[in-house]
Amino acid sequence: MGRLKSLSSRLSSPRSRLAYLPGDRQAFDRKRDEQAWRRWYKTARWQKLRMDVLVRDLFTCQRCGLIEADTSQLVADHRKPHRGVEALFWDVLNLWTLCKPCHDGWKQRLEARDP
């Protein structure tokens, strides 16, 4: 008696009719990344400016005073949100050093409250 060979399915899964579901984090990230100014963060100019700000502030969070040697745990944050305004984005006087907990907690709540 012969063996049955597995057959590949002729059916494919149906495509979703929804672009994204409310609360879908990936859809939110895609929409956010479509903003042209998001690419500025990937430039060598930004990396240099970020490091200049961290050195100027002595690798110290300007809110809580935490001194952090690991620069991946520090954020060069815009004091006044730039919202795509190039002059505000590149203004070194509009930047300060925050630790990740201060940036991801306190600062994000503050910006969400002020439209």
N, C-alpha and C. Protein backbone atom coordinates (compact mmCIF):
# COMPACT_ATOMS: atom_id res chain seq x y z
N MET A 1 0.83 -1.17 0.00
CA MET A 1 0.00 0.00 0.00
C MET A 1 0.88 1.24 0.00
N GLY A 2 0.54 2.23 -0.80
CA GLY A 2 1.33 3.44 -0.93
C GLY A 2 1.07 4.44 0.19
N ARG A 3 2.06 5.32 0.42
CA ARG A 3 1.91 6.33 1.46
C ARG A 3 1.22 7.56 0.90
N LEU A 4 0.49 8.22 1.76
CA LEU A 4 -0.14 9.48 1.37
C LEU A 4 0.90 10.59 1.50
N LYS A 5 0.98 11.42 0.51
CA LYS A 5 1.85 12.58 0.57
C LYS A 5 1.04 13.75 1.11
N SER A 6 1.69 14.58 1.88
CA SER A 6 0.96 15.73 2.40
C SER A 6 0.71 16.72 1.27
N LEU A 7 -0.48 17.23 1.25
CA LEU A 7 -0.88 18.19 0.23
C LEU A 7 -0.84 19.59 0.82
N SER A 8 -0.35 20.51 0.05
CA SER A 8 -0.35 21.88 0.53
C SER A 8 -1.75 22.45 0.41
N SER A 9 -2.09 23.30 1.33
CA SER A 9 -3.43 23.88 1.35
C SER A 9 -3.60 24.85 0.20
N ARG A 10 -4.77 24.82 -0.39
CA ARG A 10 -5.08 25.77 -1.46
C ARG A 10 -5.74 27.02 -0.92
N LEU A 11 -6.06 26.99 0.35
CA LEU A 11 -6.70 28.13 0.98
C LEU A 11 -5.66 29.00 1.67
N SER A 12 -5.88 30.27 1.61
CA SER A 12 -5.02 31.18 2.35
C SER A 12 -5.89 31.90 3.37
N SER A 13 -5.25 32.45 4.37
CA SER A 13 -6.03 33.15 5.39
C SER A 13 -6.56 34.46 4.81
N PRO A 14 -7.77 34.83 5.18
CA PRO A 14 -8.35 36.06 4.64
C PRO A 14 -7.63 37.28 5.18
N ARG A 15 -7.52 38.30 4.35
CA ARG A 15 -6.89 39.54 4.77
C ARG A 15 -7.85 40.32 5.65
N SER A 16 -7.31 41.02 6.58
CA SER A 16 -8.13 41.80 7.48
C SER A 16 -8.69 43.00 6.74
N ARG A 17 -9.92 43.34 7.06
CA ARG A 17 -10.54 44.53 6.46
C ARG A 17 -10.22 45.78 7.27
N LEU A 18 -9.67 45.59 8.44
CA LEU A 18 -9.32 46.72 9.29
C LEU A 18 -7.87 47.09 9.07
N ALA A 19 -7.59 48.37 8.96
CA ALA A 19 -6.20 48.81 8.85
C ALA A 19 -5.48 48.51 10.16
N TYR A 20 -6.13 48.78 11.27
CA TYR A 20 -5.61 48.42 12.59
C TYR A 20 -6.74 48.47 13.59
N LEU A 21 -6.56 47.76 14.63
CA LEU A 21 -7.55 47.76 15.70
C LEU A 21 -7.23 48.87 16.68
N PRO A 22 -8.23 49.47 17.29
CA PRO A 22 -7.94 50.48 18.32
C PRO A 22 -7.06 49.87 19.40
N GLY A 23 -6.04 50.61 19.78
CA GLY A 23 -5.11 50.12 20.78
C GLY A 23 -4.00 49.25 20.21
N ASP A 24 -3.96 49.10 18.90
CA ASP A 24 -2.94 48.27 18.26
C ASP A 24 -1.61 49.03 18.28
N ARG A 25 -0.67 48.58 19.07
CA ARG A 25 0.60 49.27 19.25
C ARG A 25 1.42 49.35 17.96
N GLN A 26 1.41 48.28 17.17
CA GLN A 26 2.19 48.28 15.93
C GLN A 26 1.66 49.32 14.94
N ALA A 27 0.35 49.46 14.86
CA ALA A 27 -0.23 50.46 13.96
C ALA A 27 0.14 51.86 14.43
N PHE A 28 0.13 52.06 15.75
CA PHE A 28 0.53 53.35 16.30
C PHE A 28 1.98 53.66 15.94
N ASP A 29 2.86 52.67 16.09
CA ASP A 29 4.27 52.85 15.76
C ASP A 29 4.47 53.15 14.29
N ARG A 30 3.72 52.46 13.42
CA ARG A 30 3.83 52.73 11.97
C ARG A 30 3.42 54.15 11.65
N LYS A 31 2.32 54.60 12.22
CA LYS A 31 1.84 55.96 11.95
C LYS A 31 2.87 56.99 12.45
N ARG A 32 3.42 56.74 13.63
CA ARG A 32 4.41 57.65 14.20
C ARG A 32 5.65 57.71 13.32
N ASP A 33 6.10 56.56 12.81
CA ASP A 33 7.33 56.51 12.01
C ASP A 33 7.16 57.15 10.65
N GLU A 34 5.92 57.37 10.20
CA GLU A 34 5.70 58.01 8.91
C GLU A 34 6.02 59.50 8.94
N GLN A 35 6.10 60.08 10.14
CA GLN A 35 6.41 61.50 10.25
C GLN A 35 7.86 61.73 9.85
N ALA A 36 8.07 62.66 8.93
CA ALA A 36 9.40 62.88 8.34
C ALA A 36 10.44 63.25 9.38
N TRP A 37 10.07 64.02 10.38
CA TRP A 37 11.06 64.45 11.37
C TRP A 37 11.60 63.30 12.22
N ARG A 38 10.91 62.16 12.24
CA ARG A 38 11.42 61.01 13.00
C ARG A 38 12.78 60.55 12.48
N ARG A 39 13.02 60.77 11.19
CA ARG A 39 14.31 60.36 10.61
C ARG A 39 15.47 61.20 11.11
N TRP A 40 15.20 62.40 11.61
CA TRP A 40 16.27 63.26 12.11
C TRP A 40 17.02 62.58 13.26
N TYR A 41 16.33 61.74 14.03
CA TYR A 41 16.96 61.07 15.16
C TYR A 41 17.98 60.03 14.72
N LYS A 42 17.97 59.63 13.47
CA LYS A 42 18.90 58.62 12.98
C LYS A 42 20.14 59.22 12.31
N THR A 43 20.26 60.53 12.30
CA THR A 43 21.37 61.18 11.61
C THR A 43 22.60 61.30 12.51
N ALA A 44 23.76 61.41 11.88
CA ALA A 44 25.00 61.62 12.62
C ALA A 44 24.97 62.98 13.32
N ARG A 45 24.31 63.95 12.70
CA ARG A 45 24.20 65.28 13.30
C ARG A 45 23.48 65.19 14.65
N TRP A 46 22.39 64.41 14.72
CA TRP A 46 21.67 64.25 15.98
C TRP A 46 22.53 63.52 17.02
N GLN A 47 23.23 62.48 16.59
CA GLN A 47 24.06 61.72 17.53
C GLN A 47 25.12 62.61 18.16
N LYS A 48 25.72 63.48 17.35
CA LYS A 48 26.73 64.41 17.87
C LYS A 48 26.09 65.42 18.82
N LEU A 49 24.96 65.98 18.43
CA LEU A 49 24.26 66.95 19.27
C LEU A 49 23.84 66.31 20.60
N ARG A 50 23.33 65.10 20.53
CA ARG A 50 22.93 64.36 21.73
C ARG A 50 24.12 64.20 22.68
N MET A 51 25.25 63.76 22.15
CA MET A 51 26.43 63.56 22.99
C MET A 51 26.92 64.89 23.57
N ASP A 52 26.87 65.96 22.78
CA ASP A 52 27.26 67.28 23.28
C ASP A 52 26.40 67.69 24.48
N VAL A 53 25.10 67.40 24.40
CA VAL A 53 24.18 67.74 25.50
C VAL A 53 24.48 66.89 26.73
N LEU A 54 24.73 65.60 26.54
CA LEU A 54 25.04 64.72 27.68
C LEU A 54 26.33 65.16 28.37
N VAL A 55 27.35 65.52 27.59
CA VAL A 55 28.61 65.99 28.16
C VAL A 55 28.41 67.33 28.88
N ARG A 56 27.68 68.25 28.24
CA ARG A 56 27.41 69.55 28.85
C ARG A 56 26.74 69.40 30.21
N ASP A 57 25.79 68.45 30.30
CA ASP A 57 25.05 68.23 31.55
C ASP A 57 25.73 67.22 32.47
N LEU A 58 26.97 66.83 32.13
CA LEU A 58 27.78 65.93 32.95
C LEU A 58 27.08 64.58 33.22
N PHE A 59 26.38 64.08 32.21
CA PHE A 59 25.71 62.77 32.28
C PHE A 59 24.80 62.68 33.50
N THR A 60 24.17 63.80 33.82
CA THR A 60 23.32 63.91 35.00
C THR A 60 21.90 64.29 34.59
N CYS A 61 20.92 63.55 35.10
CA CYS A 61 19.52 63.89 34.85
C CYS A 61 19.23 65.25 35.46
N GLN A 62 18.69 66.14 34.67
CA GLN A 62 18.44 67.50 35.12
C GLN A 62 17.16 67.61 35.96
N ARG A 63 16.43 66.51 36.10
CA ARG A 63 15.24 66.52 36.94
C ARG A 63 15.51 65.88 38.30
N CYS A 64 16.04 64.65 38.31
CA CYS A 64 16.22 63.93 39.58
C CYS A 64 17.66 63.93 40.08
N GLY A 65 18.62 64.33 39.23
CA GLY A 65 20.01 64.40 39.67
C GLY A 65 20.79 63.11 39.55
N LEU A 66 20.20 62.07 38.96
CA LEU A 66 20.88 60.79 38.80
C LEU A 66 22.07 60.95 37.85
N ILE A 67 23.24 60.48 38.27
CA ILE A 67 24.42 60.46 37.41
C ILE A 67 24.51 59.07 36.81
N GLU A 68 24.55 58.99 35.49
CA GLU A 68 24.49 57.71 34.80
C GLU A 68 25.62 57.61 33.80
N ALA A 69 26.48 56.59 33.96
CA ALA A 69 27.60 56.38 33.05
C ALA A 69 27.15 55.70 31.75
N ASP A 70 26.08 54.92 31.82
CA ASP A 70 25.56 54.21 30.65
C ASP A 70 24.69 55.17 29.83
N THR A 71 25.22 55.66 28.73
CA THR A 71 24.50 56.67 27.95
C THR A 71 23.22 56.14 27.31
N SER A 72 23.06 54.82 27.23
CA SER A 72 21.81 54.29 26.69
C SER A 72 20.66 54.51 27.67
N GLN A 73 20.98 54.86 28.91
CA GLN A 73 19.96 55.11 29.93
C GLN A 73 19.68 56.60 30.10
N LEU A 74 20.24 57.41 29.20
CA LEU A 74 20.02 58.86 29.22
C LEU A 74 19.38 59.30 27.92
N VAL A 75 18.57 60.35 28.01
CA VAL A 75 17.85 60.88 26.85
C VAL A 75 18.18 62.36 26.72
N ALA A 76 18.54 62.78 25.51
CA ALA A 76 18.65 64.21 25.23
C ALA A 76 17.24 64.65 24.84
N ASP A 77 16.57 65.27 25.78
CA ASP A 77 15.15 65.59 25.64
C ASP A 77 14.94 67.05 25.25
N HIS A 78 13.91 67.28 24.45
CA HIS A 78 13.54 68.65 24.09
C HIS A 78 12.70 69.24 25.21
N ARG A 79 13.17 70.33 25.78
CA ARG A 79 12.41 70.99 26.86
C ARG A 79 11.04 71.40 26.35
N LYS A 80 11.02 72.11 25.25
CA LYS A 80 9.77 72.48 24.59
C LYS A 80 9.60 71.53 23.42
N PRO A 81 8.50 70.78 23.34
CA PRO A 81 8.32 69.82 22.24
C PRO A 81 8.43 70.51 20.89
N HIS A 82 9.21 69.92 20.00
CA HIS A 82 9.46 70.57 18.70
C HIS A 82 8.31 70.36 17.73
N ARG A 83 7.58 69.24 17.82
CA ARG A 83 6.44 68.93 16.97
C ARG A 83 6.74 69.14 15.47
N GLY A 84 7.97 68.79 15.08
CA GLY A 84 8.36 68.87 13.68
C GLY A 84 8.96 70.20 13.25
N VAL A 85 9.07 71.16 14.16
CA VAL A 85 9.68 72.46 13.84
C VAL A 85 11.20 72.27 13.90
N GLU A 86 11.83 72.38 12.74
CA GLU A 86 13.25 72.06 12.63
C GLU A 86 14.13 72.93 13.52
N ALA A 87 13.83 74.21 13.63
CA ALA A 87 14.65 75.10 14.45
C ALA A 87 14.62 74.68 15.91
N LEU A 88 13.47 74.26 16.42
CA LEU A 88 13.39 73.79 17.80
C LEU A 88 14.08 72.44 17.98
N PHE A 89 14.01 71.60 16.97
CA PHE A 89 14.62 70.28 17.05
C PHE A 89 16.13 70.39 17.23
N TRP A 90 16.77 71.25 16.47
CA TRP A 90 18.24 71.35 16.48
C TRP A 90 18.78 72.36 17.48
N ASP A 91 17.93 73.08 18.19
CA ASP A 91 18.37 74.12 19.13
C ASP A 91 18.96 73.47 20.39
N VAL A 92 20.26 73.63 20.59
CA VAL A 92 20.94 73.02 21.73
C VAL A 92 20.42 73.59 23.06
N LEU A 93 19.92 74.81 23.05
CA LEU A 93 19.39 75.41 24.27
C LEU A 93 18.00 74.85 24.62
N ASN A 94 17.39 74.15 23.68
CA ASN A 94 16.09 73.52 23.92
C ASN A 94 16.26 72.07 24.38
N LEU A 95 17.49 71.62 24.57
CA LEU A 95 17.76 70.24 24.95
C LEU A 95 18.33 70.16 26.37
N TRP A 96 17.96 69.09 27.07
CA TRP A 96 18.53 68.81 28.37
C TRP A 96 18.58 67.30 28.56
N THR A 97 19.35 66.87 29.53
CA THR A 97 19.52 65.45 29.79
C THR A 97 18.51 64.98 30.82
N LEU A 98 17.82 63.89 30.48
CA LEU A 98 16.92 63.23 31.43
C LEU A 98 17.28 61.75 31.46
N CYS A 99 17.11 61.13 32.63
CA CYS A 99 17.27 59.68 32.70
C CYS A 99 16.01 59.05 32.08
N LYS A 100 16.11 57.80 31.67
CA LYS A 100 14.97 57.14 31.03
C LYS A 100 13.73 57.11 31.91
N PRO A 101 13.83 56.82 33.21
CA PRO A 101 12.61 56.83 34.03
C PRO A 101 11.93 58.20 34.06
N CYS A 102 12.70 59.28 34.17
CA CYS A 102 12.09 60.62 34.17
C CYS A 102 11.48 60.93 32.80
N HIS A 103 12.19 60.59 31.73
CA HIS A 103 11.70 60.87 30.39
C HIS A 103 10.45 60.04 30.07
N ASP A 104 10.50 58.74 30.37
CA ASP A 104 9.41 57.86 29.99
C ASP A 104 8.20 57.98 30.91
N GLY A 105 8.38 58.54 32.07
CA GLY A 105 7.28 58.68 33.02
C GLY A 105 6.80 60.12 33.11
N TRP A 106 7.51 60.90 33.91
CA TRP A 106 7.10 62.27 34.19
C TRP A 106 6.95 63.11 32.93
N LYS A 107 7.98 63.10 32.05
CA LYS A 107 7.95 63.97 30.87
C LYS A 107 6.85 63.58 29.89
N GLN A 108 6.64 62.27 29.70
CA GLN A 108 5.59 61.83 28.77
C GLN A 108 4.21 62.21 29.29
N ARG A 109 3.99 62.10 30.58
CA ARG A 109 2.70 62.53 31.17
C ARG A 109 2.50 64.04 30.99
N LEU A 110 3.58 64.78 31.19
CA LEU A 110 3.52 66.24 31.04
C LEU A 110 3.14 66.62 29.60
N GLU A 111 3.78 65.99 28.62
CA GLU A 111 3.51 66.31 27.22
C GLU A 111 2.12 65.84 26.79
N ALA A 112 1.65 64.74 27.34
CA ALA A 112 0.31 64.26 27.00
C ALA A 112 -0.75 65.21 27.54
N ARG A 113 -0.46 65.87 28.63
CA ARG A 113 -1.41 66.81 29.24
C ARG A 113 -1.46 68.13 28.47
N ASP A 114 -0.32 68.56 27.91
CA ASP A 114 -0.25 69.84 27.18
C ASP A 114 -0.28 69.59 25.68
N PRO A 115 -1.39 69.88 25.02
CA PRO A 115 -1.45 69.64 23.57
C PRO A 115 -0.62 70.58 22.75
